[in-house]
């Protein structure tokens, strides 16, 4: 076998090992979303936005919740100019 062929085969072997390495190491599994690629979690970890807890919740202004008032353990944000939404700070 010529020297060039041996070097080429060694190179292919190294590439095959490097390609199979993530499968053997495992890694964290993604959720079952159809919008994620099998490779989407390999390069960069997921970034989650942190909700800022402002200890406020929606208070009623008639039939519509339009203002944020004091409510410990919750956050409040306004949208559409006149409506608000409340979520838990857990």
N, C-alpha and C. Protein backbone atom coordinates (compact mmCIF):
# COMPACT_ATOMS: atom_id res chain seq x y z
N UNK A 1 0.85 -1.16 0.00
CA UNK A 1 0.00 0.00 0.00
C UNK A 1 0.90 1.23 0.00
N UNK A 2 0.57 2.16 -0.82
CA UNK A 2 1.43 3.34 -0.92
C UNK A 2 1.25 4.26 0.29
N UNK A 3 2.20 5.11 0.48
CA UNK A 3 2.20 6.02 1.63
C UNK A 3 1.03 7.00 1.56
N UNK A 4 0.70 7.48 0.40
CA UNK A 4 -0.40 8.44 0.23
C UNK A 4 -1.74 7.81 0.63
N UNK A 5 -1.96 6.57 0.25
CA UNK A 5 -3.20 5.88 0.58
C UNK A 5 -3.30 5.68 2.09
N UNK A 6 -2.20 5.30 2.74
CA UNK A 6 -2.21 5.11 4.20
C UNK A 6 -2.53 6.41 4.93
N UNK A 7 -1.95 7.51 4.49
CA UNK A 7 -2.23 8.81 5.12
C UNK A 7 -3.69 9.19 4.91
N UNK A 8 -4.22 8.95 3.73
CA UNK A 8 -5.62 9.26 3.45
C UNK A 8 -6.55 8.42 4.32
N UNK A 9 -6.24 7.14 4.50
CA UNK A 9 -7.07 6.28 5.34
C UNK A 9 -7.01 6.71 6.80
N UNK A 10 -5.85 7.12 7.28
CA UNK A 10 -5.73 7.61 8.65
C UNK A 10 -6.56 8.89 8.84
N UNK A 11 -6.51 9.76 7.85
CA UNK A 11 -7.30 10.99 7.91
C UNK A 11 -8.79 10.70 7.97
N UNK A 12 -9.26 9.76 7.16
CA UNK A 12 -10.67 9.38 7.18
C UNK A 12 -11.06 8.75 8.51
N UNK A 13 -10.16 7.97 9.09
CA UNK A 13 -10.43 7.36 10.39
C UNK A 13 -10.57 8.43 11.48
N UNK A 14 -9.69 9.41 11.45
CA UNK A 14 -9.77 10.51 12.43
C UNK A 14 -11.07 11.29 12.25
N UNK A 15 -11.46 11.58 11.03
CA UNK A 15 -12.72 12.29 10.77
C UNK A 15 -13.93 11.48 11.23
N UNK A 16 -13.90 10.17 11.02
CA UNK A 16 -15.01 9.32 11.45
C UNK A 16 -15.13 9.31 12.98
N UNK A 17 -14.00 9.25 13.67
CA UNK A 17 -14.03 9.26 15.13
C UNK A 17 -14.56 10.60 15.64
N UNK A 18 -14.10 11.71 15.05
CA UNK A 18 -14.56 13.03 15.47
C UNK A 18 -16.05 13.22 15.19
N UNK A 19 -16.54 12.67 14.10
CA UNK A 19 -17.96 12.80 13.77
C UNK A 19 -18.84 11.99 14.72
N UNK A 20 -18.34 10.85 15.20
CA UNK A 20 -19.11 9.98 16.08
C UNK A 20 -19.00 10.37 17.55
N UNK A 21 -18.07 11.23 17.89
CA UNK A 21 -17.81 11.61 19.28
C UNK A 21 -19.04 12.18 20.00
N UNK A 22 -19.79 13.11 19.42
CA UNK A 22 -20.97 13.63 20.14
C UNK A 22 -22.01 12.55 20.46
N UNK A 23 -22.16 11.56 19.61
CA UNK A 23 -23.12 10.49 19.86
C UNK A 23 -22.71 9.66 21.07
N UNK A 24 -21.43 9.46 21.26
CA UNK A 24 -20.94 8.67 22.39
C UNK A 24 -20.92 9.47 23.69
N UNK A 25 -20.71 10.76 23.60
CA UNK A 25 -20.65 11.59 24.80
C UNK A 25 -22.03 11.94 25.33
N UNK A 26 -23.04 11.82 24.51
CA UNK A 26 -24.39 12.13 24.95
C UNK A 26 -24.64 13.62 24.84
N UNK A 27 -24.81 14.27 25.97
CA UNK A 27 -25.13 15.69 25.99
C UNK A 27 -26.55 15.87 26.44
N UNK A 28 -26.97 17.09 26.58
CA UNK A 28 -28.33 17.32 27.03
C UNK A 28 -29.31 17.16 25.90
N UNK A 29 -30.45 16.59 26.24
CA UNK A 29 -31.47 16.35 25.22
C UNK A 29 -32.39 17.55 25.13
N UNK A 30 -32.76 17.88 23.92
CA UNK A 30 -33.70 18.98 23.68
C UNK A 30 -35.11 18.48 23.89
N UNK A 31 -36.04 19.40 24.08
CA UNK A 31 -37.44 19.04 24.16
C UNK A 31 -37.92 18.54 22.82
N UNK A 32 -39.11 18.03 22.76
CA UNK A 32 -39.63 17.44 21.55
C UNK A 32 -40.23 18.44 20.57
N UNK A 33 -39.67 19.60 20.45
CA UNK A 33 -40.22 20.60 19.56
C UNK A 33 -39.88 20.29 18.10
N UNK A 34 -40.84 20.41 17.21
CA UNK A 34 -40.55 20.16 15.80
C UNK A 34 -39.73 21.28 15.16
N UNK A 35 -39.50 22.39 15.89
CA UNK A 35 -38.78 23.52 15.32
C UNK A 35 -37.30 23.50 15.67
N UNK A 36 -36.82 22.49 16.37
CA UNK A 36 -35.41 22.39 16.74
C UNK A 36 -34.72 21.36 15.88
N UNK A 37 -33.51 21.69 15.51
CA UNK A 37 -32.68 20.75 14.77
C UNK A 37 -32.01 19.81 15.77
N UNK A 38 -31.59 18.66 15.31
CA UNK A 38 -30.86 17.74 16.17
C UNK A 38 -29.53 18.34 16.62
N UNK A 39 -29.02 19.31 15.88
CA UNK A 39 -27.73 19.92 16.20
C UNK A 39 -27.88 21.28 16.88
N UNK A 40 -29.09 21.72 17.18
CA UNK A 40 -29.28 23.08 17.67
C UNK A 40 -28.69 23.33 19.04
N UNK A 41 -28.49 22.33 19.86
CA UNK A 41 -27.96 22.54 21.19
C UNK A 41 -26.48 22.27 21.33
N UNK A 42 -25.80 21.94 20.25
CA UNK A 42 -24.39 21.56 20.36
C UNK A 42 -23.45 22.74 20.51
N UNK A 43 -23.61 23.78 19.74
CA UNK A 43 -22.62 24.86 19.71
C UNK A 43 -22.81 25.87 20.83
N UNK A 44 -24.01 26.35 21.03
CA UNK A 44 -24.27 27.42 21.99
C UNK A 44 -25.39 26.98 22.92
N UNK A 45 -25.23 27.11 24.23
CA UNK A 45 -26.32 26.73 25.13
C UNK A 45 -27.52 27.67 24.99
N UNK A 46 -28.67 27.17 25.35
CA UNK A 46 -29.89 27.98 25.27
C UNK A 46 -29.80 29.16 26.23
N UNK A 47 -30.33 30.26 25.81
CA UNK A 47 -30.37 31.46 26.64
C UNK A 47 -31.82 31.73 27.00
N UNK A 48 -32.08 31.83 28.27
CA UNK A 48 -33.43 32.10 28.74
C UNK A 48 -33.49 33.50 29.32
N UNK A 49 -34.50 34.25 28.94
CA UNK A 49 -34.66 35.59 29.47
C UNK A 49 -35.18 35.49 30.91
N UNK A 50 -34.61 36.28 31.78
CA UNK A 50 -35.04 36.28 33.16
C UNK A 50 -36.16 37.30 33.34
N UNK A 51 -37.23 36.86 33.96
CA UNK A 51 -38.34 37.76 34.22
C UNK A 51 -38.01 38.57 35.47
N UNK A 52 -38.17 39.86 35.37
CA UNK A 52 -37.89 40.72 36.51
C UNK A 52 -39.14 40.80 37.37
N UNK A 53 -38.99 40.38 38.62
CA UNK A 53 -40.13 40.39 39.53
C UNK A 53 -40.29 41.78 40.12
N UNK A 54 -41.40 42.44 39.80
CA UNK A 54 -41.62 43.78 40.31
C UNK A 54 -42.67 43.81 41.43
N UNK A 55 -43.06 42.62 41.93
CA UNK A 55 -44.03 42.50 43.02
C UNK A 55 -45.29 43.31 42.74
N UNK A 56 -45.81 43.17 41.54
CA UNK A 56 -47.05 43.85 41.15
C UNK A 56 -47.93 42.87 40.39
N UNK A 57 -49.21 43.13 40.39
CA UNK A 57 -50.17 42.33 39.66
C UNK A 57 -51.25 43.22 39.08
N UNK A 58 -52.04 42.69 38.18
CA UNK A 58 -53.11 43.47 37.56
C UNK A 58 -54.23 43.72 38.57
N UNK A 59 -54.67 44.94 38.63
CA UNK A 59 -55.82 45.29 39.47
C UNK A 59 -56.93 45.77 38.56
N UNK A 60 -58.14 45.49 38.96
CA UNK A 60 -59.25 45.79 38.07
C UNK A 60 -59.59 47.27 38.08
N UNK A 61 -59.95 47.71 36.93
CA UNK A 61 -60.45 49.07 36.76
C UNK A 61 -61.78 48.95 36.07
N UNK A 62 -62.79 48.47 36.77
CA UNK A 62 -64.08 48.18 36.16
C UNK A 62 -64.08 46.74 35.69
N UNK A 63 -64.49 46.51 34.45
CA UNK A 63 -64.51 45.16 33.90
C UNK A 63 -63.19 44.77 33.25
N UNK A 64 -62.25 45.68 33.19
CA UNK A 64 -60.99 45.46 32.47
C UNK A 64 -59.81 45.62 33.43
N UNK A 65 -58.86 44.69 33.37
CA UNK A 65 -57.63 44.79 34.16
C UNK A 65 -56.67 45.70 33.41
N UNK A 66 -56.49 46.91 33.92
CA UNK A 66 -55.70 47.85 33.14
C UNK A 66 -54.54 48.48 33.91
N UNK A 67 -54.46 48.24 35.21
CA UNK A 67 -53.39 48.86 35.99
C UNK A 67 -52.63 47.80 36.78
N UNK A 68 -51.37 48.12 37.07
CA UNK A 68 -50.54 47.24 37.89
C UNK A 68 -50.54 47.79 39.31
N UNK A 69 -50.85 46.93 40.29
CA UNK A 69 -50.85 47.31 41.70
C UNK A 69 -49.98 46.35 42.50
N UNK A 70 -49.77 46.64 43.75
CA UNK A 70 -48.89 45.85 44.61
C UNK A 70 -49.43 44.43 44.80
N UNK A 71 -48.60 43.43 44.49
CA UNK A 71 -48.95 42.02 44.68
C UNK A 71 -47.65 41.24 44.80
N UNK A 72 -47.27 40.88 46.02
CA UNK A 72 -45.97 40.24 46.29
C UNK A 72 -45.90 38.87 45.63
N UNK A 73 -44.77 38.61 44.97
CA UNK A 73 -44.53 37.32 44.33
C UNK A 73 -44.99 37.23 42.89
N UNK A 74 -45.41 38.34 42.32
CA UNK A 74 -45.89 38.35 40.93
C UNK A 74 -45.26 39.50 40.16
N UNK A 75 -45.30 39.42 38.85
CA UNK A 75 -44.85 40.53 38.01
C UNK A 75 -46.01 40.96 37.12
N UNK A 76 -46.01 42.21 36.77
CA UNK A 76 -47.08 42.78 35.97
C UNK A 76 -46.47 43.55 34.81
N UNK A 77 -47.04 43.42 33.64
CA UNK A 77 -46.62 44.24 32.51
C UNK A 77 -47.84 44.65 31.70
N UNK A 78 -47.76 45.84 31.13
CA UNK A 78 -48.86 46.38 30.34
C UNK A 78 -48.62 46.12 28.86
N UNK A 79 -49.69 45.91 28.13
CA UNK A 79 -49.62 45.74 26.69
C UNK A 79 -50.86 46.35 26.05
N UNK A 80 -50.82 46.61 24.80
CA UNK A 80 -51.91 47.23 24.03
C UNK A 80 -52.37 48.56 24.61
N UNK A 81 -51.51 49.21 25.38
CA UNK A 81 -51.84 50.51 25.90
C UNK A 81 -52.81 50.54 27.07
N UNK A 82 -53.77 49.60 27.12
CA UNK A 82 -54.77 49.68 28.18
C UNK A 82 -54.98 48.36 28.94
N UNK A 83 -54.27 47.31 28.59
CA UNK A 83 -54.42 46.03 29.25
C UNK A 83 -53.14 45.64 29.95
N UNK A 84 -53.25 44.70 30.92
CA UNK A 84 -52.04 44.23 31.58
C UNK A 84 -52.12 42.72 31.77
N UNK A 85 -51.00 42.12 32.12
CA UNK A 85 -50.94 40.69 32.36
C UNK A 85 -50.08 40.44 33.58
N UNK A 86 -50.39 39.39 34.33
CA UNK A 86 -49.70 39.04 35.55
C UNK A 86 -49.14 37.64 35.43
N UNK A 87 -47.94 37.43 35.98
CA UNK A 87 -47.34 36.11 36.02
C UNK A 87 -46.64 35.90 37.34
N UNK A 88 -46.40 34.63 37.69
CA UNK A 88 -45.75 34.29 38.95
C UNK A 88 -44.24 34.48 38.84
N UNK A 89 -43.60 34.91 39.92
CA UNK A 89 -42.15 35.11 39.93
C UNK A 89 -41.39 33.86 40.36
N UNK A 90 -42.03 32.74 40.47
CA UNK A 90 -41.37 31.52 40.94
C UNK A 90 -40.35 31.14 39.99
